[in-house]
């Protein structure tokens, strides 16, 4: 395999990991209880950040594969 393919595989793995962790964080941020609003807000921000990193990684992966 060449370097471009290896980098694309790495970025694809990063994308998948980001989306899995973002989903897990979103699920953990749900529920009721005291102080839950702050926990839910942090969960939303972290989940959004991980999803954005995943999208950027997926776009970079596609660009590398199309350029190679």
Protein backbone atom coordinates (compact mmCIF):
# COMPACT_ATOMS: atom_id res chain seq x y z
CA UNK A 1 0.00 0.00 0.00
CA UNK A 2 1.17 3.50 -0.67
CA UNK A 3 1.28 6.39 1.76
CA UNK A 4 -1.95 7.99 0.48
CA UNK A 5 -3.91 4.79 1.08
CA UNK A 6 -2.48 4.42 4.57
CA UNK A 7 -3.37 8.01 5.42
CA UNK A 8 -6.89 7.52 4.05
CA UNK A 9 -7.32 4.41 6.20
CA UNK A 10 -6.10 6.31 9.25
CA UNK A 11 -8.51 9.16 8.59
CA UNK A 12 -11.36 6.70 8.01
CA UNK A 13 -10.62 5.03 11.34
CA UNK A 14 -10.50 8.42 13.04
CA UNK A 15 -13.87 9.30 11.51
CA UNK A 16 -15.46 6.09 12.77
CA UNK A 17 -14.00 6.49 16.27
CA UNK A 18 -15.18 10.12 16.50
CA UNK A 19 -18.72 9.22 15.49
CA UNK A 20 -18.91 6.24 17.86
CA UNK A 21 -17.63 8.27 20.82
CA UNK A 22 -19.93 11.20 19.93
CA UNK A 23 -22.91 8.85 20.01
CA UNK A 24 -21.84 7.38 23.34
CA UNK A 25 -21.36 10.86 24.84
CA UNK A 26 -24.77 11.94 23.58
CA UNK A 27 -26.43 8.91 25.19
CA UNK A 28 -24.61 9.43 28.49
CA UNK A 29 -25.73 13.06 28.59
CA UNK A 30 -29.41 12.18 28.70
CA UNK A 31 -31.45 11.57 31.84
CA UNK A 32 -32.97 13.39 34.79
CA UNK A 33 -31.49 14.61 38.01
CA UNK A 34 -30.02 17.56 39.83
CA UNK A 35 -27.37 19.37 37.82
CA UNK A 36 -28.44 17.46 34.75
CA UNK A 37 -28.80 20.62 32.65
CA UNK A 38 -25.07 21.35 32.89
CA UNK A 39 -24.18 17.74 32.12
CA UNK A 40 -26.50 17.73 29.12
CA UNK A 41 -25.05 21.00 27.79
CA UNK A 42 -21.47 19.72 28.07
CA UNK A 43 -22.55 16.49 26.40
CA UNK A 44 -24.06 18.43 23.48
CA UNK A 45 -20.92 20.52 23.00
CA UNK A 46 -18.57 17.52 23.16
CA UNK A 47 -20.79 15.51 20.83
CA UNK A 48 -20.96 18.38 18.35
CA UNK A 49 -17.19 18.82 18.44
CA UNK A 50 -16.55 15.12 17.85
CA UNK A 51 -19.05 15.06 14.98
CA UNK A 52 -17.34 18.04 13.35
CA UNK A 53 -13.93 16.39 13.67
CA UNK A 54 -15.43 13.24 12.12
CA UNK A 55 -16.88 15.16 9.18
CA UNK A 56 -13.61 17.00 8.57
CA UNK A 57 -11.73 13.72 8.73
CA UNK A 58 -14.15 12.08 6.28
CA UNK A 59 -13.82 14.96 3.82
CA UNK A 60 -10.01 14.83 4.09
CA UNK A 61 -10.10 11.07 3.52
CA UNK A 62 -12.23 11.47 0.41
CA UNK A 63 -9.96 14.22 -0.91
CA UNK A 64 -6.88 12.06 -0.43
CA UNK A 65 -8.48 9.10 -2.17
CA UNK A 66 -9.67 11.22 -5.09
CA UNK A 67 -6.25 12.85 -5.47
CA UNK A 68 -4.37 9.53 -5.40
